[in-house]
Amino acid sequence: MELFTPETSSEEIKRLQERLQEFGYYQGEFTNTLDGATQEALTNFQEANGLAADGTVGLMTLNALGLLELGITDVG
């Protein structure tokens, strides 16, 4: 299940970008959008962590990033 799409713009995306930066995968500005730089960082994170490297944010990716425990489960 994909929770974020390329058109998504939200505070949850900013949290995703912050977390990817904490893990050393994202160096861009926090844009609150799932842009190309964010998707590239996401794909690299997924690949390095044995997840499907598809650039989409599903529950397994959120869990690996520790975002489920922060309460991010939907971008509603």
N, C-alpha and C. Protein backbone atom coordinates (compact mmCIF):
# COMPACT_ATOMS: atom_id res chain seq x y z
N MET A 1 0.84 -1.17 0.00
CA MET A 1 0.00 0.00 0.00
C MET A 1 0.89 1.24 0.00
N GLU A 2 0.68 2.10 -0.95
CA GLU A 2 1.43 3.35 -1.05
C GLU A 2 0.66 4.43 -0.32
N LEU A 3 1.33 5.11 0.61
CA LEU A 3 0.67 6.13 1.38
C LEU A 3 0.97 7.53 0.87
N PHE A 4 2.11 7.71 0.24
CA PHE A 4 2.49 9.00 -0.31
C PHE A 4 2.61 8.86 -1.81
N THR A 5 2.19 9.86 -2.54
CA THR A 5 2.33 9.86 -3.99
C THR A 5 3.14 11.08 -4.40
N PRO A 6 3.63 11.13 -5.63
CA PRO A 6 4.43 12.29 -6.06
C PRO A 6 3.69 13.62 -5.92
N GLU A 7 2.39 13.61 -5.88
CA GLU A 7 1.62 14.86 -5.75
C GLU A 7 1.39 15.25 -4.29
N THR A 8 1.77 14.38 -3.37
CA THR A 8 1.53 14.65 -1.96
C THR A 8 2.39 15.81 -1.47
N SER A 9 1.77 16.71 -0.76
CA SER A 9 2.48 17.82 -0.14
C SER A 9 1.92 17.95 1.27
N SER A 10 2.79 17.72 2.26
CA SER A 10 2.28 17.74 3.62
C SER A 10 3.42 17.79 4.63
N GLU A 11 3.05 18.00 5.86
CA GLU A 11 4.00 17.95 6.96
C GLU A 11 4.58 16.55 7.11
N GLU A 12 3.80 15.52 6.75
CA GLU A 12 4.29 14.15 6.84
C GLU A 12 5.47 13.94 5.89
N ILE A 13 5.41 14.57 4.70
CA ILE A 13 6.52 14.47 3.76
C ILE A 13 7.75 15.16 4.36
N LYS A 14 7.55 16.27 5.03
CA LYS A 14 8.67 16.94 5.69
C LYS A 14 9.29 16.02 6.74
N ARG A 15 8.48 15.32 7.50
CA ARG A 15 9.00 14.39 8.49
C ARG A 15 9.78 13.27 7.81
N LEU A 16 9.27 12.81 6.66
CA LEU A 16 9.96 11.79 5.88
C LEU A 16 11.32 12.32 5.44
N GLN A 17 11.37 13.54 4.92
CA GLN A 17 12.62 14.14 4.47
C GLN A 17 13.59 14.29 5.65
N GLU A 18 13.09 14.72 6.79
CA GLU A 18 13.93 14.87 7.98
C GLU A 18 14.53 13.53 8.39
N ARG A 19 13.70 12.49 8.36
CA ARG A 19 14.17 11.16 8.77
C ARG A 19 15.20 10.63 7.77
N LEU A 20 14.95 10.81 6.49
CA LEU A 20 15.92 10.38 5.48
C LEU A 20 17.24 11.13 5.65
N GLN A 21 17.17 12.40 6.03
CA GLN A 21 18.39 13.17 6.29
C GLN A 21 19.12 12.62 7.51
N GLU A 22 18.38 12.29 8.56
CA GLU A 22 18.99 11.71 9.76
C GLU A 22 19.75 10.43 9.44
N PHE A 23 19.22 9.65 8.52
CA PHE A 23 19.87 8.41 8.10
C PHE A 23 20.95 8.63 7.05
N GLY A 24 21.13 9.87 6.60
CA GLY A 24 22.19 10.20 5.66
C GLY A 24 21.83 10.03 4.19
N TYR A 25 20.55 9.94 3.87
CA TYR A 25 20.14 9.71 2.49
C TYR A 25 19.61 10.95 1.79
N TYR A 26 19.23 11.97 2.53
CA TYR A 26 18.63 13.17 1.92
C TYR A 26 19.43 14.38 2.35
N GLN A 27 19.85 15.17 1.36
CA GLN A 27 20.62 16.38 1.65
C GLN A 27 19.93 17.65 1.16
N GLY A 28 18.74 17.52 0.64
CA GLY A 28 18.05 18.69 0.09
C GLY A 28 17.36 19.53 1.15
N GLU A 29 16.68 20.56 0.66
CA GLU A 29 15.86 21.39 1.54
C GLU A 29 14.56 20.65 1.83
N PHE A 30 13.96 20.98 2.95
CA PHE A 30 12.69 20.37 3.29
C PHE A 30 11.59 21.09 2.51
N THR A 31 11.03 20.40 1.53
CA THR A 31 10.08 21.00 0.59
C THR A 31 8.63 20.62 0.87
N ASN A 32 8.41 19.65 1.72
CA ASN A 32 7.07 19.14 2.01
C ASN A 32 6.42 18.47 0.81
N THR A 33 7.19 18.20 -0.24
CA THR A 33 6.67 17.49 -1.41
C THR A 33 7.55 16.29 -1.72
N LEU A 34 6.93 15.27 -2.26
CA LEU A 34 7.66 14.06 -2.62
C LEU A 34 8.27 14.27 -4.00
N ASP A 35 9.32 15.10 -4.02
CA ASP A 35 9.97 15.47 -5.28
C ASP A 35 11.03 14.44 -5.67
N GLY A 36 11.71 14.71 -6.78
CA GLY A 36 12.70 13.76 -7.29
C GLY A 36 13.82 13.46 -6.32
N ALA A 37 14.32 14.49 -5.63
CA ALA A 37 15.41 14.28 -4.66
C ALA A 37 14.96 13.41 -3.51
N THR A 38 13.73 13.60 -3.07
CA THR A 38 13.18 12.80 -1.97
C THR A 38 12.99 11.36 -2.42
N GLN A 39 12.46 11.18 -3.62
CA GLN A 39 12.26 9.82 -4.13
C GLN A 39 13.59 9.09 -4.34
N GLU A 40 14.61 9.80 -4.79
CA GLU A 40 15.92 9.18 -4.96
C GLU A 40 16.48 8.76 -3.60
N ALA A 41 16.38 9.63 -2.61
CA ALA A 41 16.86 9.30 -1.27
C ALA A 41 16.08 8.11 -0.72
N LEU A 42 14.79 8.12 -0.96
CA LEU A 42 13.93 7.04 -0.49
C LEU A 42 14.30 5.71 -1.13
N THR A 43 14.51 5.73 -2.43
CA THR A 43 14.90 4.51 -3.14
C THR A 43 16.25 3.99 -2.63
N ASN A 44 17.20 4.87 -2.42
CA ASN A 44 18.50 4.46 -1.88
C ASN A 44 18.35 3.87 -0.49
N PHE A 45 17.53 4.48 0.35
CA PHE A 45 17.27 3.95 1.69
C PHE A 45 16.65 2.56 1.59
N GLN A 46 15.64 2.42 0.75
CA GLN A 46 14.96 1.14 0.60
C GLN A 46 15.93 0.06 0.16
N GLU A 47 16.73 0.36 -0.84
CA GLU A 47 17.70 -0.60 -1.36
C GLU A 47 18.69 -1.03 -0.28
N ALA A 48 19.19 -0.07 0.47
CA ALA A 48 20.17 -0.36 1.52
C ALA A 48 19.58 -1.14 2.68
N ASN A 49 18.25 -1.11 2.81
CA ASN A 49 17.60 -1.77 3.94
C ASN A 49 16.78 -2.99 3.54
N GLY A 50 17.04 -3.51 2.34
CA GLY A 50 16.40 -4.75 1.91
C GLY A 50 14.91 -4.63 1.62
N LEU A 51 14.46 -3.43 1.33
CA LEU A 51 13.06 -3.21 0.98
C LEU A 51 12.92 -3.12 -0.53
N ALA A 52 11.69 -3.22 -1.01
CA ALA A 52 11.45 -3.02 -2.43
C ALA A 52 11.83 -1.58 -2.77
N ALA A 53 12.85 -1.42 -3.60
CA ALA A 53 13.37 -0.08 -3.94
C ALA A 53 12.54 0.52 -5.05
N ASP A 54 11.32 0.93 -4.70
CA ASP A 54 10.39 1.45 -5.69
C ASP A 54 10.09 2.94 -5.54
N GLY A 55 10.68 3.57 -4.54
CA GLY A 55 10.49 5.01 -4.36
C GLY A 55 9.12 5.40 -3.83
N THR A 56 8.35 4.40 -3.41
CA THR A 56 7.05 4.69 -2.81
C THR A 56 7.13 4.45 -1.31
N VAL A 57 6.25 5.11 -0.59
CA VAL A 57 6.26 5.01 0.86
C VAL A 57 5.07 4.20 1.32
N GLY A 58 5.36 2.98 1.70
CA GLY A 58 4.34 2.10 2.25
C GLY A 58 4.64 1.81 3.71
N LEU A 59 3.87 0.93 4.28
CA LEU A 59 4.01 0.64 5.71
C LEU A 59 5.38 0.08 6.08
N MET A 60 5.95 -0.79 5.23
CA MET A 60 7.26 -1.37 5.55
C MET A 60 8.34 -0.29 5.55
N THR A 61 8.27 0.64 4.62
CA THR A 61 9.24 1.73 4.56
C THR A 61 9.06 2.66 5.76
N LEU A 62 7.82 3.01 6.06
CA LEU A 62 7.57 3.85 7.24
C LEU A 62 8.11 3.20 8.50
N ASN A 63 7.90 1.90 8.62
CA ASN A 63 8.39 1.17 9.78
C ASN A 63 9.91 1.19 9.85
N ALA A 64 10.57 0.94 8.73
CA ALA A 64 12.04 0.94 8.69
C ALA A 64 12.61 2.31 9.04
N LEU A 65 11.89 3.35 8.69
CA LEU A 65 12.33 4.72 9.00
C LEU A 65 11.98 5.13 10.43
N GLY A 66 11.22 4.29 11.12
CA GLY A 66 10.80 4.62 12.48
C GLY A 66 9.68 5.64 12.52
N LEU A 67 8.98 5.81 11.40
CA LEU A 67 7.91 6.80 11.36
C LEU A 67 6.58 6.25 11.84
N LEU A 68 6.39 4.93 11.81
CA LEU A 68 5.14 4.38 12.33
C LEU A 68 5.04 4.64 13.83
N GLU A 69 6.15 4.51 14.52
CA GLU A 69 6.12 4.74 15.97
C GLU A 69 5.90 6.21 16.30
N LEU A 70 6.11 7.09 15.32
CA LEU A 70 5.82 8.51 15.52
C LEU A 70 4.38 8.86 15.16
N GLY A 71 3.64 7.83 14.73
CA GLY A 71 2.23 8.03 14.45
C GLY A 71 1.90 8.38 13.01
N ILE A 72 2.88 8.33 12.11
CA ILE A 72 2.60 8.64 10.71
C ILE A 72 2.14 7.35 10.02
N THR A 73 0.89 7.31 9.66
CA THR A 73 0.36 6.15 8.96
C THR A 73 -0.44 6.56 7.73
N ASP A 74 -0.71 7.84 7.59
CA ASP A 74 -1.53 8.31 6.49
C ASP A 74 -1.21 9.78 6.25
N VAL A 75 -1.44 10.23 5.04
CA VAL A 75 -1.20 11.64 4.74
C VAL A 75 -2.49 12.43 4.69
N GLY A 76 -3.64 11.71 4.83
CA GLY A 76 -4.96 12.31 4.81
C GLY A 76 -4.98 13.70 4.70
